[in-house]
Structures are given as C-alpha cells and as structure tokens.
Amino acid sequence: PVLGRLVLEHRDRGLSAGVQRRLDLYSDHLPFLVEGVPSLALAYHRSEDADLRIHGAADRRRLLDPRDLARSAALVAACLQRLAQASTPLPERLDEDAVEVLGRREGVDLLRLRAELR
C-alpha cells in the first residue's frame, strides 16, 4: 500500500503505474535476493535510448541523461522517506526455505546461484 500510494503521487515524474511482484534475475538485486534480502525497483519512463546504454557495452557515465539521473534520485529519496515513515513493518529477511520456494516458483535454483556468487 505504501508503494502504491507513492506510484500515484509521482506519476507526473514518470513513475510507472503499478507495483509489480516479479523475480528479476538480470538486475543488481540478484545478489541480495539469493541471500534473502528483500528488494524493490522503481521503474520510470526514461529517455527512449536509455535501454540501449544501461547495463550494456555502451554503458558510460558520460552518456547518462542528467534528467533521468535526477528523476531517479528524487524517486529513490521519496521512496526511502515514505518507507521510513510507514507504520507498516518492512518485509523480513527470507530464510533459506523461502528463497528456495521463490526460486522454484520462477523455475530458478536460487540456492545454486547463491553458491556460485559466493
């Protein structure tokens, strides 16, 4: 509910309309996930060519769009502030069984990935 309200309040900044629950194996979140640390990603509408530059061979600091970077920083700050002030408790760290179940649901052996990352 906290993130849902945040999305509605920041649509004018390009925040995507909705909170999605999905396992993203191709993100910076994977090392945290396999250790059971809950994470989230705020998706927003970026420059049209941003996906060609981000996390690819052409990913260079000089190519960052300052507007995208400023918008991203503002959204992260708003999210952190909202979560810090929320009366709802934050999710607990997942135990090994929960990590295994999550991976199985998505067809991925997260415990094997954890062993490989260590």
PDB file of N, CA and C in Angstrom:
ATOM      1  N   PRO A   1       0.811  -1.223   0.000  1.00  0.00           N
ATOM      2  CA  PRO A   1       0.000   0.000   0.000  1.00  0.00           C
ATOM      3  C   PRO A   1       0.845   1.273   0.000  1.00  0.00           C
ATOM      4  N   VAL A   2       1.958   1.263   0.729  1.00  0.00           N
ATOM      5  CA  VAL A   2       2.834   2.433   0.795  1.00  0.00           C
ATOM      6  C   VAL A   2       3.393   2.743  -0.589  1.00  0.00           C
ATOM      7  N   LEU A   3       3.870   1.718  -1.282  1.00  0.00           N
ATOM      8  CA  LEU A   3       4.443   1.933  -2.608  1.00  0.00           C
ATOM      9  C   LEU A   3       3.374   2.267  -3.634  1.00  0.00           C
ATOM     10  N   GLY A   4       2.198   1.692  -3.486  1.00  0.00           N
ATOM     11  CA  GLY A   4       1.099   2.023  -4.396  1.00  0.00           C
ATOM     12  C   GLY A   4       0.752   3.496  -4.341  1.00  0.00           C
ATOM     13  N   ARG A   5       0.706   4.055  -3.134  1.00  0.00           N
ATOM     14  CA  ARG A   5       0.424   5.495  -2.993  1.00  0.00           C
ATOM     15  C   ARG A   5       1.557   6.325  -3.577  1.00  0.00           C
ATOM     16  N   LEU A   6       2.783   5.877  -3.380  1.00  0.00           N
ATOM     17  CA  LEU A   6       3.938   6.588  -3.930  1.00  0.00           C
ATOM     18  C   LEU A   6       3.849   6.656  -5.452  1.00  0.00           C
ATOM     19  N   VAL A   7       3.478   5.537  -6.069  1.00  0.00           N
ATOM     20  CA  VAL A   7       3.336   5.498  -7.526  1.00  0.00           C
ATOM     21  C   VAL A   7       2.312   6.532  -7.985  1.00  0.00           C
ATOM     22  N   LEU A   8       1.176   6.560  -7.331  1.00  0.00           N
ATOM     23  CA  LEU A   8       0.129   7.506  -7.721  1.00  0.00           C
ATOM     24  C   LEU A   8       0.587   8.950  -7.562  1.00  0.00           C
ATOM     25  N   GLU A   9       1.327   9.231  -6.506  1.00  0.00           N
ATOM     26  CA  GLU A   9       1.759  10.602  -6.243  1.00  0.00           C
ATOM     27  C   GLU A   9       2.873  11.070  -7.171  1.00  0.00           C
ATOM     28  N   HIS A  10       3.592  10.145  -7.784  1.00  0.00           N
ATOM     29  CA  HIS A  10       4.743  10.535  -8.600  1.00  0.00           C
ATOM     30  C   HIS A  10       4.589  10.187 -10.075  1.00  0.00           C
ATOM     31  N   ARG A  11       3.374   9.990 -10.510  1.00  0.00           N
ATOM     32  CA  ARG A  11       3.168   9.725 -11.939  1.00  0.00           C
ATOM     33  C   ARG A  11       3.654  10.884 -12.804  1.00  0.00           C
ATOM     34  N   ASP A  12       3.543  12.111 -12.285  1.00  0.00           N
ATOM     35  CA  ASP A  12       3.991  13.270 -13.061  1.00  0.00           C
ATOM     36  C   ASP A  12       5.506  13.263 -13.270  1.00  0.00           C
ATOM     37  N   ARG A  13       6.239  12.493 -12.486  1.00  0.00           N
ATOM     38  CA  ARG A  13       7.685  12.352 -12.665  1.00  0.00           C
ATOM     39  C   ARG A  13       8.023  11.160 -13.543  1.00  0.00           C
ATOM     40  N   GLY A  14       7.005  10.504 -14.052  1.00  0.00           N
ATOM     41  CA  GLY A  14       7.228   9.397 -14.968  1.00  0.00           C
ATOM     42  C   GLY A  14       7.292   8.036 -14.308  1.00  0.00           C
ATOM     43  N   LEU A  15       6.941   7.939 -13.025  1.00  0.00           N
ATOM     44  CA  LEU A  15       6.965   6.649 -12.350  1.00  0.00           C
ATOM     45  C   LEU A  15       5.917   5.745 -12.976  1.00  0.00           C
ATOM     46  N   SER A  16       6.319   4.549 -13.323  1.00  0.00           N
ATOM     47  CA  SER A  16       5.399   3.611 -13.957  1.00  0.00           C
ATOM     48  C   SER A  16       4.209   3.335 -13.053  1.00  0.00           C
ATOM     49  N   ALA A  17       3.094   3.118 -13.684  1.00  0.00           N
ATOM     50  CA  ALA A  17       1.828   2.995 -12.955  1.00  0.00           C
ATOM     51  C   ALA A  17       1.604   1.585 -12.449  1.00  0.00           C
ATOM     52  N   GLY A  18       2.152   1.276 -11.328  1.00  0.00           N
ATOM     53  CA  GLY A  18       1.849  -0.015 -10.730  1.00  0.00           C
ATOM     54  C   GLY A  18       2.996  -0.607  -9.952  1.00  0.00           C
ATOM     55  N   VAL A  19       2.657  -1.446  -9.024  1.00  0.00           N
ATOM     56  CA  VAL A  19       3.637  -2.182  -8.244  1.00  0.00           C
ATOM     57  C   VAL A  19       3.572  -3.612  -8.729  1.00  0.00           C
ATOM     58  N   GLN A  20       4.689  -4.110  -9.224  1.00  0.00           N
ATOM     59  CA  GLN A  20       4.729  -5.468  -9.751  1.00  0.00           C
ATOM     60  C   GLN A  20       5.564  -6.338  -8.834  1.00  0.00           C
ATOM     61  N   ARG A  21       5.138  -7.557  -8.661  1.00  0.00           N
ATOM     62  CA  ARG A  21       5.911  -8.535  -7.896  1.00  0.00           C
ATOM     63  C   ARG A  21       6.468  -9.530  -8.903  1.00  0.00           C
ATOM     64  N   ARG A  22       7.769  -9.428  -9.128  1.00  0.00           N
ATOM     65  CA  ARG A  22       8.377 -10.362 -10.059  1.00  0.00           C
ATOM     66  C   ARG A  22       9.829 -10.581  -9.675  1.00  0.00           C
ATOM     67  N   LEU A  23      10.347 -11.688 -10.095  1.00  0.00           N
ATOM     68  CA  LEU A  23      11.729 -12.040  -9.843  1.00  0.00           C
ATOM     69  C   LEU A  23      12.549 -11.557 -11.026  1.00  0.00           C
ATOM     70  N   ASP A  24      13.484 -10.683 -10.786  1.00  0.00           N
ATOM     71  CA  ASP A  24      14.311 -10.138 -11.862  1.00  0.00           C
ATOM     72  C   ASP A  24      15.727 -10.671 -11.706  1.00  0.00           C
ATOM     73  N   LEU A  25      16.035 -11.707 -12.452  1.00  0.00           N
ATOM     74  CA  LEU A  25      17.355 -12.331 -12.344  1.00  0.00           C
ATOM     75  C   LEU A  25      18.446 -11.526 -13.033  1.00  0.00           C
ATOM     76  N   TYR A  26      18.061 -10.595 -13.853  1.00  0.00           N
ATOM     77  CA  TYR A  26      19.045  -9.822 -14.600  1.00  0.00           C
ATOM     78  C   TYR A  26      19.087  -8.394 -14.084  1.00  0.00           C
ATOM     79  N   SER A  27      19.336  -8.276 -12.784  1.00  0.00           N
ATOM     80  CA  SER A  27      19.386  -6.949 -12.188  1.00  0.00           C
ATOM     81  C   SER A  27      20.432  -6.921 -11.091  1.00  0.00           C
ATOM     82  N   ASP A  28      20.652  -5.748 -10.557  1.00  0.00           N
ATOM     83  CA  ASP A  28      21.578  -5.573  -9.439  1.00  0.00           C
ATOM     84  C   ASP A  28      21.017  -6.150  -8.146  1.00  0.00           C
ATOM     85  N   HIS A  29      19.767  -6.577  -8.174  1.00  0.00           N
ATOM     86  CA  HIS A  29      19.107  -7.091  -6.978  1.00  0.00           C
ATOM     87  C   HIS A  29      19.414  -8.556  -6.706  1.00  0.00           C
ATOM     88  N   LEU A  30      19.884  -9.293  -7.709  1.00  0.00           N
ATOM     89  CA  LEU A  30      20.064 -10.734  -7.565  1.00  0.00           C
ATOM     90  C   LEU A  30      20.939 -11.128  -6.372  1.00  0.00           C
ATOM     91  N   PRO A  31      22.105 -10.527  -6.163  1.00  0.00           N
ATOM     92  CA  PRO A  31      22.920 -10.945  -5.009  1.00  0.00           C
ATOM     93  C   PRO A  31      22.197 -10.765  -3.672  1.00  0.00           C
ATOM     94  N   PHE A  32      21.354  -9.755  -3.579  1.00  0.00           N
ATOM     95  CA  PHE A  32      20.586  -9.554  -2.352  1.00  0.00           C
ATOM     96  C   PHE A  32      19.489 -10.616  -2.235  1.00  0.00           C
ATOM     97  N   LEU A  33      18.821 -10.871  -3.330  1.00  0.00           N
ATOM     98  CA  LEU A  33      17.711 -11.820  -3.341  1.00  0.00           C
ATOM     99  C   LEU A  33      18.154 -13.218  -2.927  1.00  0.00           C
ATOM    100  N   VAL A  34      19.266 -13.685  -3.479  1.00  0.00           N
ATOM    101  CA  VAL A  34      19.703 -15.043  -3.143  1.00  0.00           C
ATOM    102  C   VAL A  34      20.125 -15.153  -1.680  1.00  0.00           C
ATOM    103  N   GLU A  35      20.408 -14.027  -1.044  1.00  0.00           N
ATOM    104  CA  GLU A  35      20.724 -14.027   0.385  1.00  0.00           C
ATOM    105  C   GLU A  35      19.477 -13.768   1.236  1.00  0.00           C
ATOM    106  N   GLY A  36      18.324 -13.634   0.572  1.00  0.00           N
ATOM    107  CA  GLY A  36      17.072 -13.456   1.294  1.00  0.00           C
ATOM    108  C   GLY A  36      16.743 -12.024   1.658  1.00  0.00           C
ATOM    109  N   VAL A  37      17.489 -11.075   1.126  1.00  0.00           N
ATOM    110  CA  VAL A  37      17.249  -9.660   1.430  1.00  0.00           C
ATOM    111  C   VAL A  37      16.210  -9.111   0.452  1.00  0.00           C
ATOM    112  N   PRO A  38      15.041  -8.699   0.965  1.00  0.00           N
ATOM    113  CA  PRO A  38      14.006  -8.148   0.080  1.00  0.00           C
ATOM    114  C   PRO A  38      14.519  -6.890  -0.633  1.00  0.00           C
ATOM    115  N   SER A  39      14.084  -6.713  -1.851  1.00  0.00           N
ATOM    116  CA  SER A  39      14.479  -5.525  -2.598  1.00  0.00           C
ATOM    117  C   SER A  39      13.307  -5.059  -3.449  1.00  0.00           C
ATOM    118  N   LEU A  40      13.456  -3.870  -3.996  1.00  0.00           N
ATOM    119  CA  LEU A  40      12.448  -3.353  -4.905  1.00  0.00           C
ATOM    120  C   LEU A  40      13.131  -2.474  -5.940  1.00  0.00           C
ATOM    121  N   ALA A  41      12.470  -2.303  -7.033  1.00  0.00           N
ATOM    122  CA  ALA A  41      12.968  -1.439  -8.096  1.00  0.00           C
ATOM    123  C   ALA A  41      11.854  -0.481  -8.469  1.00  0.00           C
ATOM    124  N   LEU A  42      12.201   0.768  -8.623  1.00  0.00           N
ATOM    125  CA  LEU A  42      11.247   1.767  -9.084  1.00  0.00           C
ATOM    126  C   LEU A  42      11.451   1.935 -10.576  1.00  0.00           C
ATOM    127  N   ALA A  43      10.436   1.629 -11.334  1.00  0.00           N
ATOM    128  CA  ALA A  43      10.530   1.761 -12.786  1.00  0.00           C
ATOM    129  C   ALA A  43       9.873   3.060 -13.208  1.00  0.00           C
ATOM    130  N   TYR A  44      10.554   3.788 -14.053  1.00  0.00           N
ATOM    131  CA  TYR A  44      10.004   5.034 -14.562  1.00  0.00           C
ATOM    132  C   TYR A  44      10.338   5.148 -16.034  1.00  0.00           C
ATOM    133  N   HIS A  45       9.639   6.023 -16.681  1.00  0.00           N
ATOM    134  CA  HIS A  45       9.831   6.216 -18.112  1.00  0.00           C
ATOM    135  C   HIS A  45      11.104   7.021 -18.331  1.00  0.00           C
ATOM    136  N   ARG A  46      12.073   6.379 -18.999  1.00  0.00           N
ATOM    137  CA  ARG A  46      13.363   7.030 -19.252  1.00  0.00           C
ATOM    138  C   ARG A  46      13.404   7.507 -20.693  1.00  0.00           C
ATOM    139  N   SER A  47      14.510   8.162 -21.018  1.00  0.00           N
ATOM    140  CA  SER A  47      14.740   8.575 -22.400  1.00  0.00           C
ATOM    141  C   SER A  47      14.619   7.356 -23.305  1.00  0.00           C
ATOM    142  N   GLU A  48      14.194   7.580 -24.528  1.00  0.00           N
ATOM    143  CA  GLU A  48      13.932   6.464 -25.436  1.00  0.00           C
ATOM    144  C   GLU A  48      15.134   5.571 -25.663  1.00  0.00           C
ATOM    145  N   ASP A  49      16.334   6.134 -25.696  1.00  0.00           N
ATOM    146  CA  ASP A  49      17.518   5.323 -25.972  1.00  0.00           C
ATOM    147  C   ASP A  49      18.223   4.854 -24.699  1.00  0.00           C
ATOM    148  N   ALA A  50      17.636   5.075 -23.531  1.00  0.00           N
ATOM    149  CA  ALA A  50      18.281   4.709 -22.266  1.00  0.00           C
ATOM    150  C   ALA A  50      18.550   3.212 -22.179  1.00  0.00           C
ATOM    151  N   ASP A  51      17.614   2.388 -22.620  1.00  0.00           N
ATOM    152  CA  ASP A  51      17.794   0.947 -22.520  1.00  0.00           C
ATOM    153  C   ASP A  51      18.954   0.436 -23.374  1.00  0.00           C
ATOM    154  N   LEU A  52      19.321   1.178 -24.382  1.00  0.00           N
ATOM    155  CA  LEU A  52      20.453   0.784 -25.215  1.00  0.00           C
ATOM    156  C   LEU A  52      21.779   1.034 -24.507  1.00  0.00           C
ATOM    157  N   ARG A  53      21.773   1.981 -23.551  1.00  0.00           N
ATOM    158  CA  ARG A  53      23.012   2.359 -22.866  1.00  0.00           C
ATOM    159  C   ARG A  53      23.187   1.675 -21.508  1.00  0.00           C
ATOM    160  N   ILE A  54      22.107   1.375 -20.830  1.00  0.00           N
ATOM    161  CA  ILE A  54      22.186   0.913 -19.452  1.00  0.00           C
ATOM    162  C   ILE A  54      22.530  -0.573 -19.398  1.00  0.00           C
ATOM    163  N   HIS A  55      23.523  -0.920 -18.596  1.00  0.00           N
ATOM    164  CA  HIS A  55      23.966  -2.300 -18.384  1.00  0.00           C
ATOM    165  C   HIS A  55      24.375  -2.983 -19.678  1.00  0.00           C
ATOM    166  N   GLY A  56      24.966  -2.258 -20.569  1.00  0.00           N
ATOM    167  CA  GLY A  56      25.439  -2.838 -21.821  1.00  0.00           C
ATOM    168  C   GLY A  56      26.841  -2.360 -22.134  1.00  0.00           C
ATOM    169  N   ALA A  57      27.325  -2.740 -23.292  1.00  0.00           N
ATOM    170  CA  ALA A  57      28.681  -2.373 -23.692  1.00  0.00           C
ATOM    171  C   ALA A  57      28.860  -0.861 -23.814  1.00  0.00           C
ATOM    172  N   ALA A  58      27.777  -0.146 -24.100  1.00  0.00           N
ATOM    173  CA  ALA A  58      27.858   1.312 -24.263  1.00  0.00           C
ATOM    174  C   ALA A  58      27.584   2.068 -22.963  1.00  0.00           C
ATOM    175  N   ASP A  59      27.523   1.367 -21.842  1.00  0.00           N
ATOM    176  CA  ASP A  59      27.203   1.978 -20.544  1.00  0.00           C
ATOM    177  C   ASP A  59      28.396   2.802 -20.061  1.00  0.00           C
ATOM    178  N   ARG A  60      28.295   4.107 -20.218  1.00  0.00           N
ATOM    179  CA  ARG A  60      29.357   5.029 -19.809  1.00  0.00           C
ATOM    180  C   ARG A  60      28.740   6.195 -19.047  1.00  0.00           C
ATOM    181  N   ARG A  61      29.430   6.641 -18.023  1.00  0.00           N
ATOM    182  CA  ARG A  61      28.914   7.730 -17.193  1.00  0.00           C
ATOM    183  C   ARG A  61      28.617   8.983 -18.021  1.00  0.00           C
ATOM    184  N   ARG A  62      29.452   9.269 -18.971  1.00  0.00           N
ATOM    185  CA  ARG A  62      29.262  10.479 -19.781  1.00  0.00           C
ATOM    186  C   ARG A  62      27.990  10.422 -20.626  1.00  0.00           C
ATOM    187  N   LEU A  63      27.437   9.223 -20.815  1.00  0.00           N
ATOM    188  CA  LEU A  63      26.232   9.063 -21.616  1.00  0.00           C
ATOM    189  C   LEU A  63      24.949   9.132 -20.792  1.00  0.00           C
ATOM    190  N   LEU A  64      25.074   9.239 -19.471  1.00  0.00           N
ATOM    191  CA  LEU A  64      23.876   9.333 -18.631  1.00  0.00           C
ATOM    192  C   LEU A  64      23.110  10.614 -18.944  1.00  0.00           C
ATOM    193  N   ASP A  65      21.826  10.484 -18.989  1.00  0.00           N
ATOM    194  CA  ASP A  65      20.970  11.651 -19.171  1.00  0.00           C
ATOM    195  C   ASP A  65      20.786  12.284 -17.793  1.00  0.00           C
ATOM    196  N   PRO A  66      21.265  13.512 -17.577  1.00  0.00           N
ATOM    197  CA  PRO A  66      21.161  14.139 -16.254  1.00  0.00           C
ATOM    198  C   PRO A  66      19.727  14.234 -15.746  1.00  0.00           C
ATOM    199  N   ARG A  67      18.769  14.379 -16.658  1.00  0.00           N
ATOM    200  CA  ARG A  67      17.366  14.434 -16.228  1.00  0.00           C
ATOM    201  C   ARG A  67      16.904  13.084 -15.687  1.00  0.00           C
ATOM    202  N   ASP A  68      17.302  12.005 -16.365  1.00  0.00           N
ATOM    203  CA  ASP A  68      16.950  10.670 -15.878  1.00  0.00           C
ATOM    204  C   ASP A  68      17.592  10.405 -14.522  1.00  0.00           C
ATOM    205  N   LEU A  69      18.842  10.787 -14.372  1.00  0.00           N
ATOM    206  CA  LEU A  69      19.553  10.582 -13.112  1.00  0.00           C
ATOM    207  C   LEU A  69      18.904  11.374 -11.979  1.00  0.00           C
ATOM    208  N   ALA A  70      18.551  12.629 -12.244  1.00  0.00           N
ATOM    209  CA  ALA A  70      17.907  13.464 -11.219  1.00  0.00           C
ATOM    210  C   ALA A  70      16.540  12.911 -10.853  1.00  0.00           C
ATOM    211  N   ARG A  71      15.778  12.476 -11.837  1.00  0.00           N
ATOM    212  CA  ARG A  71      14.452  11.915 -11.576  1.00  0.00           C
ATOM    213  C   ARG A  71      14.576  10.627 -10.766  1.00  0.00           C
ATOM    214  N   SER A  72      15.529   9.789 -11.122  1.00  0.00           N
ATOM    215  CA  SER A  72      15.739   8.538 -10.404  1.00  0.00           C
ATOM    216  C   SER A  72      16.121   8.809  -8.946  1.00  0.00           C
ATOM    217  N   ALA A  73      17.035   9.738  -8.721  1.00  0.00           N
ATOM    218  CA  ALA A  73      17.456  10.068  -7.361  1.00  0.00           C
ATOM    219  C   ALA A  73      16.289  10.614  -6.538  1.00  0.00           C
ATOM    220  N   ALA A  74      15.471  11.452  -7.143  1.00  0.00           N
ATOM    221  CA  ALA A  74      14.320  12.019  -6.432  1.00  0.00           C
ATOM    222  C   ALA A  74      13.310  10.934  -6.061  1.00  0.00           C
ATOM    223  N   LEU A  75      13.090   9.994  -6.953  1.00  0.00           N
ATOM    224  CA  LEU A  75      12.147   8.916  -6.678  1.00  0.00           C
ATOM    225  C   LEU A  75      12.671   7.984  -5.583  1.00  0.00           C
ATOM    226  N   VAL A  76      13.958   7.679  -5.627  1.00  0.00           N
ATOM    227  CA  VAL A  76      14.540   6.829  -4.581  1.00  0.00           C
ATOM    228  C   VAL A  76      14.451   7.530  -3.232  1.00  0.00           C
ATOM    229  N   ALA A  77      14.761   8.819  -3.200  1.00  0.00           N
ATOM    230  CA  ALA A  77      14.675   9.574  -1.943  1.00  0.00           C
ATOM    231  C   ALA A  77      13.243   9.591  -1.405  1.00  0.00           C
ATOM    232  N   ALA A  78      12.280   9.811  -2.281  1.00  0.00           N
ATOM    233  CA  ALA A  78      10.875   9.824  -1.851  1.00  0.00           C
ATOM    234  C   ALA A  78      10.452   8.453  -1.332  1.00  0.00           C
ATOM    235  N   CYS A  79      10.902   7.414  -2.001  1.00  0.00           N
ATOM    236  CA  CYS A  79      10.560   6.054  -1.587  1.00  0.00           C
ATOM    237  C   CYS A  79      11.167   5.743  -0.219  1.00  0.00           C
ATOM    238  N   LEU A  80      12.424   6.066  -0.039  1.00  0.00           N
ATOM    239  CA  LEU A  80      13.075   5.802   1.245  1.00  0.00           C
ATOM    240  C   LEU A  80      12.417   6.576   2.374  1.00  0.00           C
ATOM    241  N   GLN A  81      12.088   7.830   2.106  1.00  0.00           N
ATOM    242  CA  GLN A  81      11.417   8.638   3.135  1.00  0.00           C
ATOM    243  C   GLN A  81      10.062   8.024   3.485  1.00  0.00           C
ATOM    244  N   ARG A  82       9.308   7.636   2.476  1.00  0.00           N
ATOM    245  CA  ARG A  82       7.982   7.060   2.702  1.00  0.00           C
ATOM    246  C   ARG A  82       8.078   5.753   3.478  1.00  0.00           C
ATOM    247  N   LEU A  83       9.028   4.903   3.114  1.00  0.00           N
ATOM    248  CA  LEU A  83       9.179   3.628   3.816  1.00  0.00           C
ATOM    249  C   LEU A  83       9.641   3.840   5.258  1.00  0.00           C
ATOM    250  N   ALA A  84      10.501   4.829   5.475  1.00  0.00           N
ATOM    251  CA  ALA A  84      10.979   5.116   6.830  1.00  0.00           C
ATOM    252  C   ALA A  84       9.850   5.621   7.721  1.00  0.00           C
ATOM    253  N   GLN A  85       8.894   6.321   7.142  1.00  0.00           N
ATOM    254  CA  GLN A  85       7.792   6.898   7.918  1.00  0.00           C
ATOM    255  C   GLN A  85       6.574   5.978   7.998  1.00  0.00           C
ATOM    256  N   ALA A  86       6.605   4.872   7.269  1.00  0.00           N
ATOM    257  CA  ALA A  86       5.437   3.989   7.208  1.00  0.00           C
ATOM    258  C   ALA A  86       5.200   3.290   8.537  1.00  0.00           C
ATOM    259  N   SER A  87       3.927   3.126   8.852  1.00  0.00           N
ATOM    260  CA  SER A  87       3.582   2.384  10.063  1.00  0.00           C
ATOM    261  C   SER A  87       3.583   0.881   9.800  1.00  0.00           C
ATOM    262  N   THR A  88       3.586   0.508   8.519  1.00  0.00           N
ATOM    263  CA  THR A  88       3.620  -0.904   8.162  1.00  0.00           C
ATOM    264  C   THR A  88       5.062  -1.403   8.275  1.00  0.00           C
ATOM    265  N   PRO A  89       5.267  -2.552   8.889  1.00  0.00           N
ATOM    266  CA  PRO A  89       6.647  -3.055   9.006  1.00  0.00           C
ATOM    267  C   PRO A  89       7.219  -3.448   7.647  1.00  0.00           C
ATOM    268  N   LEU A  90       8.506  -3.275   7.501  1.00  0.00           N
ATOM    269  CA  LEU A  90       9.177  -3.682   6.267  1.00  0.00           C
ATOM    270  C   LEU A  90       9.271  -5.208   6.239  1.00  0.00           C
ATOM    271  N   PRO A  91       9.380  -5.780   5.057  1.00  0.00           N
ATOM    272  CA  PRO A  91       9.477  -7.241   4.959  1.00  0.00           C
ATOM    273  C   PRO A  91      10.715  -7.767   5.684  1.00  0.00           C
ATOM    274  N   GLU A  92      10.551  -8.905   6.305  1.00  0.00           N
ATOM    275  CA  GLU A  92      11.668  -9.572   6.978  1.00  0.00           C
ATOM    276  C   GLU A  92      12.572 -10.232   5.943  1.00  0.00           C
ATOM    277  N   ARG A  93      13.785 -10.503   6.354  1.00  0.00           N
ATOM    278  CA  ARG A  93      14.705 -11.260   5.507  1.00  0.00           C
ATOM    279  C   ARG A  93      14.130 -12.664   5.308  1.00  0.00           C
ATOM    280  N   LEU A  94      14.225 -13.180   4.089  1.00  0.00           N
ATOM    281  CA  LEU A  94      13.716 -14.513   3.775  1.00  0.00           C
ATOM    282  C   LEU A  94      14.691 -15.574   4.271  1.00  0.00           C
ATOM    283  N   ASP A  95      14.162 -16.628   4.870  1.00  0.00           N
ATOM    284  CA  ASP A  95      15.044 -17.725   5.258  1.00  0.00           C
ATOM    285  C   ASP A  95      15.331 -18.579   4.022  1.00  0.00           C
ATOM    286  N   GLU A  96      16.226 -19.552   4.185  1.00  0.00           N
ATOM    287  CA  GLU A  96      16.654 -20.374   3.051  1.00  0.00           C
ATOM    288  C   GLU A  96      15.496 -21.094   2.380  1.00  0.00           C
ATOM    289  N   ASP A  97      14.554 -21.599   3.178  1.00  0.00           N
ATOM    290  CA  ASP A  97      13.395 -22.294   2.605  1.00  0.00           C
ATOM    291  C   ASP A  97      12.566 -21.359   1.731  1.00  0.00           C
ATOM    292  N   ALA A  98      12.358 -20.132   2.193  1.00  0.00           N
ATOM    293  CA  ALA A  98      11.567 -19.162   1.427  1.00  0.00           C
ATOM    294  C   ALA A  98      12.275 -18.777   0.132  1.00  0.00           C
ATOM    295  N   VAL A  99      13.595 -18.646   0.180  1.00  0.00           N
ATOM    296  CA  VAL A  99      14.365 -18.341  -1.038  1.00  0.00           C
ATOM    297  C   VAL A  99      14.218 -19.487  -2.030  1.00  0.00           C
ATOM    298  N   GLU A 100      14.296 -20.714  -1.530  1.00  0.00           N
ATOM    299  CA  GLU A 100      14.161 -21.876  -2.403  1.00  0.00           C
ATOM    300  C   GLU A 100      12.770 -21.933  -3.038  1.00  0.00           C
ATOM    301  N   VAL A 101      11.739 -21.672  -2.257  1.00  0.00           N
ATOM    302  CA  VAL A 101      10.360 -21.689  -2.772  1.00  0.00           C
ATOM    303  C   VAL A 101      10.176 -20.600  -3.821  1.00  0.00           C
ATOM    304  N   LEU A 102      10.687 -19.411  -3.555  1.00  0.00           N
ATOM    305  CA  LEU A 102      10.585 -18.318  -4.518  1.00  0.00           C
ATOM    306  C   LEU A 102      11.251 -18.698  -5.832  1.00  0.00           C
ATOM    307  N   GLY A 103      12.435 -19.247  -5.747  1.00  0.00           N
ATOM    308  CA  GLY A 103      13.141 -19.662  -6.960  1.00  0.00           C
ATOM    309  C   GLY A 103      12.406 -20.750  -7.708  1.00  0.00           C
ATOM    310  N   ARG A 104      11.898 -21.724  -6.979  1.00  0.00           N
ATOM    311  CA  ARG A 104      11.169 -22.827  -7.605  1.00  0.00           C
ATOM    312  C   ARG A 104       9.950 -22.303  -8.353  1.00  0.00           C
ATOM    313  N   ARG A 105       9.261 -21.332  -7.734  1.00  0.00           N
ATOM    314  CA  ARG A 105       8.067 -20.743  -8.373  1.00  0.00           C
ATOM    315  C   ARG A 105       8.424 -20.106  -9.713  1.00  0.00           C
ATOM    316  N   GLU A 106       9.654 -19.568  -9.795  1.00  0.00           N
ATOM    317  CA  GLU A 106      10.088 -18.903 -11.025  1.00  0.00           C
ATOM    318  C   GLU A 106      10.915 -19.823 -11.927  1.00  0.00           C
ATOM    319  N   GLY A 107      11.107 -21.081 -11.493  1.00  0.00           N
ATOM    320  CA  GLY A 107      11.873 -22.019 -12.304  1.00  0.00           C
ATOM    321  C   GLY A 107      13.369 -21.802 -12.248  1.00  0.00           C
ATOM    322  N   VAL A 108      13.867 -21.286 -11.122  1.00  0.00           N
ATOM    323  CA  VAL A 108      15.288 -20.977 -10.982  1.00  0.00           C
ATOM    324  C   VAL A 108      15.781 -21.548  -9.656  1.00  0.00           C
ATOM    325  N   ASP A 109      16.974 -22.122  -9.662  1.00  0.00           N
ATOM    326  CA  ASP A 109      17.571 -22.637  -8.438  1.00  0.00           C
ATOM    327  C   ASP A 109      18.380 -21.518  -7.782  1.00  0.00           C
ATOM    328  N   LEU A 110      17.718 -20.733  -6.934  1.00  0.00           N
ATOM    329  CA  LEU A 110      18.374 -19.587  -6.298  1.00  0.00           C
ATOM    330  C   LEU A 110      19.469 -20.023  -5.327  1.00  0.00           C
ATOM    331  N   LEU A 111      19.318 -21.168  -4.707  1.00  0.00           N
ATOM    332  CA  LEU A 111      20.357 -21.625  -3.777  1.00  0.00           C
ATOM    333  C   LEU A 111      21.633 -21.988  -4.525  1.00  0.00           C
ATOM    334  N   ARG A 112      21.488 -22.560  -5.719  1.00  0.00           N
ATOM    335  CA  ARG A 112      22.668 -22.848  -6.559  1.00  0.00           C
ATOM    336  C   ARG A 112      23.323 -21.539  -6.987  1.00  0.00           C
ATOM    337  N   LEU A 113      22.502 -20.575  -7.376  1.00  0.00           N
ATOM    338  CA  LEU A 113      23.051 -19.275  -7.760  1.00  0.00           C
ATOM    339  C   LEU A 113      23.784 -18.628  -6.592  1.00  0.00           C
ATOM    340  N   ARG A 114      23.239 -18.746  -5.403  1.00  0.00           N
ATOM    341  CA  ARG A 114      23.905 -18.185  -4.228  1.00  0.00           C
ATOM    342  C   ARG A 114      25.275 -18.805  -4.036  1.00  0.00           C
ATOM    343  N   ALA A 115      25.360 -20.129  -4.180  1.00  0.00           N
ATOM    344  CA  ALA A 115      26.644 -20.811  -4.032  1.00  0.00           C
ATOM    345  C   ALA A 115      27.640 -20.320  -5.091  1.00  0.00           C
ATOM    346  N   GLU A 116      27.160 -20.108  -6.302  1.00  0.00           N
ATOM    347  CA  GLU A 116      28.039 -19.612  -7.372  1.00  0.00           C
ATOM    348  C   GLU A 116      28.516 -18.190  -7.126  1.00  0.00           C
ATOM    349  N   LEU A 117      27.657 -17.361  -6.532  1.00  0.00           N
ATOM    350  CA  LEU A 117      28.022 -15.965  -6.279  1.00  0.00           C
ATOM    351  C   LEU A 117      28.997 -15.826  -5.110  1.00  0.00           C
ATOM    352  N   ARG A 118      29.005 -16.800  -4.239  1.00  0.00           N
ATOM    353  CA  ARG A 118      29.909 -16.734  -3.081  1.00  0.00           C
ATOM    354  C   ARG A 118      31.267 -17.079  -3.514  1.00  0.00           C
TER     355      ARG A 118
END
